[in-house]
Amino acid sequence: MSKILSVVGARPNFMKIAPIVEEIVKVPTFEHRLVHSGQHYDELLSGNFFSDLGLPQPDVNLQVGSGSHAVQTAEVMKRLEPVLLDFKPDLVLVVGDVNSTLAGAITAIKLGVAVGHVEAGLRSFDETMPEEINRKVVDAISNYLFVSEPSGVENLKKEGVDSGKVFFVGNVMIDTLMKHRTVAAKSPILSQLGLKNGESAAPYGVLTLHRPSNVDREESLATILGAVAEIAQGMPILFPVHPRTRKNIGDFGLNTLMAKNGSQRGIRPLEPLGYLDFLALNAKAKLVLTDSGGIQEETTALGVPCLTLRENTERPATVEFGSNRVVGTDGKKILSAAKSALSENSTQSGVPPLWDGRAAVRIVEILRKKLV
């Protein structure tokens, strides 16, 4: 038996690990354990995802909660180490670029345990982003680098990484989307929001904001919300609000930019949504505005116009092949890009290579051959 331990901690991780766990448990020579760091501990950000994605409940929940980057990373390392010493895995699998990803990789490698990194090689080339630091460090110490798009292969090559460690497998996020898209289409969320009558849905957009550079400074948050509020004069913009963002909107006195209860126009704030409801919203949206990397990927697979509210993206395939545009955070540029996207008759319908719903199958087949 080969022992594999997977570490997840934040909402995007659950979508990435779900198809991999589904494939791992099919291999009789693998013993698997799932560890949830508790980095996202709110039920709306974490708990609902396990049921929506059909993930088994974690074997271990480290319950680290919130904290600074240093505190959160250190707490995961402290609490994960005894779990690794007890289970003695042959491989620790980490996904994405959050603090739990970094902590899991460092803790494992220092104990002499091999590390596999899913979603390796992505680079924004912006080291003010904590996620960029996490990506680079995890890739530097990992034994298996599972790459989701062509840019990842090129980035690792330029960094001098041994090509024998690099495996271009495709995107596990798209595995999850493709598996759940039909079920998500049955979600009642549009009817509940008063946007669907029979089979037809009224036009609407979707907004997500969570990155500190966008939401922790009053000026940047006010600029973005002000531009989106103008777009929302033409159609409602649905805004599932991250708890951190909601707090800052209140602290900065920006609630006036939100639509009043019962309004069918404006920015309509919502509680965080489960995976299936959120996928249902994105699939029918006329426009998605986001600072999330994963949503750039999902909208590309869905063929939905996406405006990325950042100055860069670590997922250039979503621009090259898909429906994403990186527009930054200047209000005038956001408005101009939104007008352009909404006036076009169609969007690019292509998807990047190997975004075919079988990335997890490829990953587990590689592990099956390597872990003997």
Protein backbone atom coordinates (compact mmCIF):
# COMPACT_ATOMS: atom_id res chain seq x y z
CA MET A 1 0.00 0.00 0.00
CA SER A 2 1.12 3.54 -0.79
CA LYS A 3 -0.11 6.22 1.56
CA ILE A 4 -1.23 9.60 0.22
CA LEU A 5 -2.27 12.53 2.41
CA SER A 6 -3.99 15.53 0.82
CA VAL A 7 -4.03 18.96 2.47
CA VAL A 8 -6.76 21.50 1.75
CA GLY A 9 -7.63 24.70 3.52
CA ALA A 10 -9.62 27.21 1.49
CA ARG A 11 -12.67 27.18 -0.74
CA PRO A 12 -10.81 26.88 -4.09
CA ASN A 13 -8.85 23.90 -2.74
CA PHE A 14 -12.00 21.84 -2.29
CA MET A 15 -12.94 22.17 -5.96
CA LYS A 16 -9.43 21.11 -6.97
CA ILE A 17 -9.07 18.13 -4.66
CA ALA A 18 -12.55 16.63 -5.17
CA PRO A 19 -11.93 14.92 -8.53
CA ILE A 20 -8.49 13.73 -7.39
CA VAL A 21 -9.91 12.09 -4.26
CA GLU A 22 -12.58 10.44 -6.40
CA GLU A 23 -9.86 8.86 -8.56
CA ILE A 24 -7.48 7.99 -5.72
CA VAL A 25 -10.07 5.88 -3.90
CA LYS A 26 -10.48 3.75 -7.04
CA VAL A 27 -6.88 2.51 -6.73
CA PRO A 28 -6.78 -0.46 -4.33
CA THR A 29 -3.06 -0.01 -3.62
CA PHE A 30 -3.58 3.56 -2.31
CA GLU A 31 -4.53 4.51 1.22
CA HIS A 32 -5.70 8.11 1.39
CA ARG A 33 -6.35 10.63 4.12
CA LEU A 34 -7.80 14.11 3.70
CA VAL A 35 -6.69 16.91 6.02
CA HIS A 36 -8.61 20.19 6.25
CA SER A 37 -6.47 22.90 7.79
CA GLY A 38 -9.50 24.99 8.76
CA GLN A 39 -8.05 28.07 7.03
CA HIS A 40 -11.60 28.67 5.76
CA TYR A 41 -13.75 27.67 8.69
CA ASP A 42 -17.04 29.46 7.99
CA GLU A 43 -19.78 27.00 7.02
CA LEU A 44 -20.65 29.07 3.96
CA LEU A 45 -17.04 29.18 2.81
CA SER A 46 -16.15 25.61 3.71
CA GLY A 47 -18.74 23.20 5.03
CA ASN A 48 -21.26 23.44 2.19
CA PHE A 49 -18.58 22.65 -0.35
CA PHE A 50 -17.97 19.16 1.01
CA SER A 51 -21.61 18.20 0.47
CA ASP A 52 -21.93 20.02 -2.88
CA LEU A 53 -18.81 18.35 -4.28
CA GLY A 54 -19.44 14.90 -2.83
CA LEU A 55 -16.20 15.09 -0.86
CA PRO A 56 -15.85 12.78 2.13
CA GLN A 57 -15.61 14.55 5.44
CA PRO A 58 -11.96 15.23 6.29
CA ASP A 59 -10.14 12.60 8.30
CA VAL A 60 -8.54 15.44 10.24
CA ASN A 61 -9.54 19.08 10.74
CA LEU A 62 -6.68 21.18 12.11
CA GLN A 63 -9.04 24.09 12.90
CA VAL A 64 -6.40 26.78 12.52
CA GLY A 65 -8.88 29.59 11.78
CA SER A 66 -7.86 33.06 10.71
CA GLY A 67 -4.68 35.00 11.40
CA SER A 68 -1.83 36.78 9.67
CA HIS A 69 0.01 34.94 6.92
CA ALA A 70 2.83 34.03 9.29
CA VAL A 71 0.54 32.93 12.11
CA GLN A 72 -1.76 30.91 9.85
CA THR A 73 1.12 29.17 8.04
CA ALA A 74 2.89 28.40 11.32
CA GLU A 75 -0.25 27.00 12.94
CA VAL A 76 -0.90 24.65 10.02
CA MET A 77 2.71 23.43 10.20
CA LYS A 78 2.56 22.88 13.97
CA ARG A 79 -0.72 20.97 13.82
CA LEU A 80 0.06 19.02 10.66
CA GLU A 81 3.43 17.66 11.74
CA PRO A 82 2.07 15.13 14.30
CA VAL A 83 -0.53 13.98 11.75
CA LEU A 84 2.26 13.21 9.27
CA LEU A 85 4.37 11.49 11.90
CA ASP A 86 1.42 9.29 12.83
CA PHE A 87 0.22 8.41 9.30
CA LYS A 88 3.69 8.25 7.67
CA PRO A 89 2.52 9.06 4.11
CA ASP A 90 4.57 8.33 1.01
CA LEU A 91 3.27 11.52 -0.58
CA VAL A 92 1.65 14.75 0.55
CA LEU A 93 -0.55 16.29 -2.12
CA VAL A 94 -1.16 20.06 -1.98
CA VAL A 95 -3.31 22.14 -4.34
CA GLY A 96 -3.38 25.78 -5.36
CA ASP A 97 -1.53 28.64 -3.71
CA VAL A 98 -3.01 29.41 -0.27
CA ASN A 99 -1.20 29.41 3.06
CA SER A 100 -2.26 25.83 3.74
CA THR A 101 -0.61 24.80 0.47
CA LEU A 102 2.68 26.34 1.55
CA ALA A 103 2.49 24.96 5.08
CA GLY A 104 1.65 21.46 3.91
CA ALA A 105 4.52 21.36 1.45
CA ILE A 106 7.14 22.70 3.87
CA THR A 107 6.09 20.43 6.71
CA ALA A 108 6.16 17.35 4.50
CA ILE A 109 9.47 18.01 2.79
CA LYS A 110 11.22 18.72 6.10
CA LEU A 111 10.09 15.28 7.27
CA GLY A 112 11.48 13.68 4.13
CA VAL A 113 8.02 13.09 2.60
CA ALA A 114 7.58 13.61 -1.14
CA VAL A 115 5.30 16.49 -2.23
CA GLY A 116 3.02 16.75 -5.23
CA HIS A 117 1.77 20.22 -6.22
CA VAL A 118 -1.42 20.45 -8.24
CA GLU A 119 -1.67 23.68 -10.27
CA ALA A 120 2.09 24.15 -10.43
CA GLY A 121 3.92 26.70 -12.55
CA LEU A 122 1.36 29.51 -12.53
CA ARG A 123 2.98 32.94 -12.23
CA SER A 124 1.58 36.47 -11.99
CA PHE A 125 5.13 37.89 -11.70
CA ASP A 126 3.79 40.13 -8.95
CA GLU A 127 5.50 39.35 -5.66
CA THR A 128 3.26 41.75 -3.76
CA MET A 129 0.68 38.95 -4.02
CA PRO A 130 1.09 36.48 -1.12
CA GLU A 131 -0.11 33.72 -3.43
CA GLU A 132 2.80 34.33 -5.80
CA ILE A 133 5.29 33.72 -2.99
CA ASN A 134 3.44 30.55 -2.02
CA ARG A 135 3.46 29.25 -5.61
CA LYS A 136 7.17 29.82 -6.12
CA VAL A 137 8.23 28.27 -2.83
CA VAL A 138 5.98 25.22 -3.18
CA ASP A 139 7.14 24.59 -6.75
CA ALA A 140 10.78 24.89 -5.69
CA ILE A 141 10.49 22.10 -3.10
CA SER A 142 7.96 19.75 -4.73
CA ASN A 143 8.82 16.39 -6.28
CA TYR A 144 5.85 16.23 -8.65
CA LEU A 145 4.60 19.34 -10.43
CA PHE A 146 1.16 18.91 -11.99
CA VAL A 147 0.60 21.76 -14.46
CA SER A 148 -2.80 23.07 -15.58
CA GLU A 149 -1.94 25.22 -18.61
CA PRO A 150 0.91 25.69 -21.12
CA SER A 151 2.30 28.82 -19.41
CA GLY A 152 3.06 26.73 -16.33
CA VAL A 153 5.34 24.42 -18.29
CA GLU A 154 7.19 27.39 -19.78
CA ASN A 155 7.55 29.16 -16.43
CA LEU A 156 9.04 26.10 -14.74
CA LYS A 157 11.41 25.57 -17.67
CA LYS A 158 12.65 29.18 -17.40
CA GLU A 159 13.18 28.67 -13.67
CA GLY A 160 15.45 25.71 -14.39
CA VAL A 161 13.18 23.04 -12.93
CA ASP A 162 14.03 19.45 -13.86
CA SER A 163 11.62 18.54 -16.66
CA GLY A 164 11.29 15.05 -15.18
CA LYS A 165 9.28 16.57 -12.31
CA VAL A 166 6.85 18.42 -14.59
CA PHE A 167 3.61 16.84 -15.80
CA PHE A 168 1.15 18.77 -17.98
CA VAL A 169 -2.15 17.21 -16.94
CA GLY A 170 -4.85 19.86 -17.43
CA ASN A 171 -7.10 21.63 -15.00
CA VAL A 172 -8.82 19.82 -12.12
CA MET A 173 -11.11 22.82 -11.56
CA ILE A 174 -12.62 22.10 -14.96
CA ASP A 175 -13.02 18.41 -14.01
CA THR A 176 -15.23 19.55 -11.16
CA LEU A 177 -17.15 22.04 -13.27
CA MET A 178 -17.89 19.53 -16.00
CA LYS A 179 -19.05 16.89 -13.54
CA HIS A 180 -21.44 19.24 -11.70
CA ARG A 181 -22.68 21.54 -14.47
CA THR A 182 -25.87 19.56 -15.20
CA VAL A 183 -26.79 19.35 -11.52
CA ALA A 184 -26.01 23.04 -11.02
CA ALA A 185 -28.39 23.92 -13.86
CA LYS A 186 -31.23 22.62 -11.67
CA SER A 187 -30.39 25.04 -8.84
CA PRO A 188 -33.34 27.24 -7.83
CA ILE A 189 -31.06 30.20 -7.10
CA LEU A 190 -32.18 32.35 -10.06
CA SER A 191 -35.85 31.86 -9.20
CA GLN A 192 -35.14 32.63 -5.55
CA LEU A 193 -33.50 35.89 -6.62
CA GLY A 194 -36.45 36.84 -8.81
CA LEU A 195 -34.41 36.58 -12.00
CA LYS A 196 -36.10 33.62 -13.63
CA ASN A 197 -39.64 33.19 -14.88
CA GLY A 198 -40.24 29.80 -16.43
CA GLU A 199 -37.23 28.85 -18.55
CA SER A 200 -35.98 32.36 -19.32
CA ALA A 201 -33.70 34.40 -17.07
CA ALA A 202 -33.42 38.18 -16.93
CA PRO A 203 -29.97 39.62 -17.80
CA TYR A 204 -27.61 39.97 -14.85
CA GLY A 205 -23.94 40.08 -13.96
CA VAL A 206 -21.87 38.56 -11.14
CA LEU A 207 -19.19 40.23 -9.00
CA THR A 208 -16.68 38.71 -6.58
CA LEU A 209 -14.00 40.58 -4.62
CA HIS A 210 -11.69 39.22 -1.95
CA ARG A 211 -8.05 40.12 -2.65
CA PRO A 212 -6.53 42.38 0.02
CA SER A 213 -5.16 44.77 -2.61
CA ASN A 214 -8.73 45.42 -3.75
CA VAL A 215 -10.76 45.26 -0.56
CA ASP A 216 -8.49 46.41 2.28
CA ARG A 217 -8.01 49.98 1.04
CA GLU A 218 -10.97 52.33 0.96
CA GLU A 219 -9.89 54.09 -2.23
CA SER A 220 -9.52 50.89 -4.29
CA LEU A 221 -12.71 49.30 -3.00
CA ALA A 222 -14.71 52.48 -3.53
CA THR A 223 -13.38 52.87 -7.09
CA ILE A 224 -14.25 49.31 -8.08
CA LEU A 225 -17.69 49.36 -6.48
CA GLY A 226 -18.42 52.76 -7.97
CA ALA A 227 -17.70 51.50 -11.49
CA VAL A 228 -19.70 48.30 -10.93
CA ALA A 229 -22.62 50.37 -9.57
CA GLU A 230 -22.72 52.23 -12.90
CA ILE A 231 -22.79 48.94 -14.82
CA ALA A 232 -25.54 47.79 -12.47
CA GLN A 233 -27.81 50.62 -13.61
CA GLY A 234 -28.44 48.54 -16.74
CA MET A 235 -28.81 45.14 -15.09
CA PRO A 236 -28.47 43.77 -11.57
CA ILE A 237 -25.00 42.69 -10.49
CA LEU A 238 -25.17 39.81 -8.01
CA PHE A 239 -22.44 40.07 -5.39
CA PRO A 240 -21.82 37.09 -3.08
CA VAL A 241 -19.82 38.97 -0.46
CA HIS A 242 -16.82 37.46 1.25
CA PRO A 243 -16.93 38.13 5.03
CA ARG A 244 -13.73 40.19 4.90
CA THR A 245 -15.11 42.30 2.05
CA ARG A 246 -18.46 42.77 3.78
CA LYS A 247 -16.72 44.07 6.91
CA ASN A 248 -14.65 46.55 4.93
CA ILE A 249 -17.67 47.82 2.98
CA GLY A 250 -19.30 48.64 6.31
CA ASP A 251 -16.15 50.11 7.87
CA PHE A 252 -15.53 52.35 4.85
CA GLY A 253 -19.15 53.52 4.66
CA LEU A 254 -19.69 52.07 1.19
CA ASN A 255 -23.05 50.44 1.87
CA THR A 256 -24.68 53.28 -0.08
CA LEU A 257 -23.27 51.71 -3.25
CA MET A 258 -25.30 48.55 -2.63
CA ALA A 259 -28.85 48.14 -3.93
CA LYS A 260 -31.67 48.51 -1.43
CA ASN A 261 -33.62 45.41 -0.43
CA GLY A 262 -36.12 44.46 -3.08
CA SER A 263 -34.41 46.38 -5.87
CA GLN A 264 -34.03 44.56 -9.18
CA ARG A 265 -31.16 46.83 -10.29
CA GLY A 266 -27.88 47.86 -8.73
CA ILE A 267 -25.30 45.78 -6.88
CA ARG A 268 -27.27 43.14 -4.99
CA PRO A 269 -25.21 41.79 -2.06
CA LEU A 270 -25.68 38.10 -1.25
CA GLU A 271 -24.36 35.76 1.40
CA PRO A 272 -21.53 33.48 0.19
CA LEU A 273 -23.00 30.70 -1.94
CA GLY A 274 -22.39 26.99 -2.18
CA TYR A 275 -20.58 25.62 -5.21
CA LEU A 276 -23.65 24.49 -7.15
CA ASP A 277 -25.59 27.74 -6.69
CA PHE A 278 -22.56 29.82 -7.60
CA LEU A 279 -21.87 27.74 -10.71
CA ALA A 280 -25.50 28.18 -11.73
CA LEU A 281 -25.15 31.98 -11.43
CA ASN A 282 -21.94 32.13 -13.45
CA ALA A 283 -23.25 29.85 -16.19
CA LYS A 284 -26.12 32.19 -17.11
CA ALA A 285 -24.43 35.54 -16.41
CA LYS A 286 -24.02 38.14 -19.14
CA LEU A 287 -20.82 39.33 -17.48
CA VAL A 288 -18.62 38.28 -14.55
CA LEU A 289 -16.31 40.72 -12.76
CA THR A 290 -13.80 39.16 -10.39
CA ASP A 291 -10.37 39.21 -8.80
CA SER A 292 -10.40 35.41 -8.38
CA GLY A 293 -8.09 33.18 -10.39
CA GLY A 294 -10.42 30.20 -10.29
CA ILE A 295 -13.37 32.17 -11.62
CA GLN A 296 -11.28 33.25 -14.60
CA GLU A 297 -10.91 29.55 -15.38
CA GLU A 298 -14.56 28.68 -14.83
CA THR A 299 -15.85 31.49 -17.05
CA THR A 300 -13.43 30.40 -19.77
CA ALA A 301 -14.88 26.88 -19.65
CA LEU A 302 -18.41 28.31 -19.62
CA GLY A 303 -17.78 30.81 -22.42
CA VAL A 304 -18.99 33.70 -20.24
CA PRO A 305 -17.32 37.15 -20.60
CA CYS A 306 -15.07 37.82 -17.62
CA LEU A 307 -13.35 41.03 -16.53
CA THR A 308 -10.45 40.42 -14.15
CA LEU A 309 -10.16 43.31 -11.70
CA ARG A 310 -6.39 43.06 -11.31
CA GLU A 311 -3.35 44.33 -13.17
CA ASN A 312 -2.14 40.82 -14.00
CA THR A 313 -3.17 37.19 -14.13
CA GLU A 314 -1.29 33.99 -13.37
CA ARG A 315 -3.69 32.23 -15.76
CA PRO A 316 -2.87 33.72 -19.19
CA ALA A 317 -4.55 30.78 -20.95
CA THR A 318 -7.90 32.27 -19.92
CA VAL A 319 -7.05 35.34 -22.00
CA GLU A 320 -5.29 33.57 -24.87
CA PHE A 321 -7.89 30.86 -25.36
CA GLY A 322 -10.89 31.97 -23.35
CA SER A 323 -13.28 34.78 -22.53
CA ASN A 324 -11.22 36.63 -19.91
CA ARG A 325 -9.88 40.19 -20.11
CA VAL A 326 -7.50 41.68 -17.54
CA VAL A 327 -8.79 45.24 -17.03
CA GLY A 328 -7.20 46.42 -13.78
CA THR A 329 -8.92 48.53 -11.15
CA ASP A 330 -9.28 51.90 -12.86
CA GLY A 331 -12.97 52.83 -12.90
CA LYS A 332 -12.99 54.17 -16.47
CA LYS A 333 -11.23 51.08 -17.82
CA ILE A 334 -13.70 48.80 -16.03
CA LEU A 335 -16.66 50.67 -17.51
CA SER A 336 -15.16 50.69 -21.00
CA ALA A 337 -14.35 46.98 -20.91
CA ALA A 338 -17.82 46.13 -19.57
CA LYS A 339 -19.51 48.13 -22.32
CA SER A 340 -17.39 46.38 -24.93
CA ALA A 341 -18.00 42.90 -23.53
CA LEU A 342 -21.76 43.43 -23.26
CA SER A 343 -22.07 44.84 -26.78
CA GLU A 344 -20.33 41.92 -28.50
CA ASN A 345 -22.54 39.31 -30.11
CA SER A 346 -20.38 36.40 -28.97
CA THR A 347 -17.31 35.58 -26.95
CA GLN A 348 -14.41 33.31 -27.70
CA SER A 349 -15.55 29.76 -27.22
CA GLY A 350 -12.20 28.00 -27.10
CA VAL A 351 -10.72 26.37 -24.02
CA PRO A 352 -7.07 25.66 -23.24
CA PRO A 353 -5.56 22.27 -24.09
CA LEU A 354 -6.36 19.34 -21.77
CA TRP A 355 -9.23 21.19 -20.08
CA ASP A 356 -11.32 18.15 -20.88
CA GLY A 357 -12.48 16.88 -17.49
CA ARG A 358 -9.76 14.22 -17.16
CA ALA A 359 -6.95 16.04 -15.35
CA ALA A 360 -7.49 14.07 -12.14
CA VAL A 361 -7.38 10.79 -14.05
CA ARG A 362 -3.99 11.78 -15.46
CA ILE A 363 -2.66 12.84 -12.05
CA VAL A 364 -3.65 9.61 -10.33
CA GLU A 365 -2.31 7.48 -13.17
CA ILE A 366 1.08 9.22 -12.82
CA LEU A 367 1.03 8.64 -9.05
CA ARG A 368 0.04 5.00 -9.54
CA LYS A 369 3.14 4.48 -11.70
CA LYS A 370 5.49 6.48 -9.49
CA LEU A 371 4.45 5.30 -6.02
CA VAL A 372 5.53 1.69 -6.20
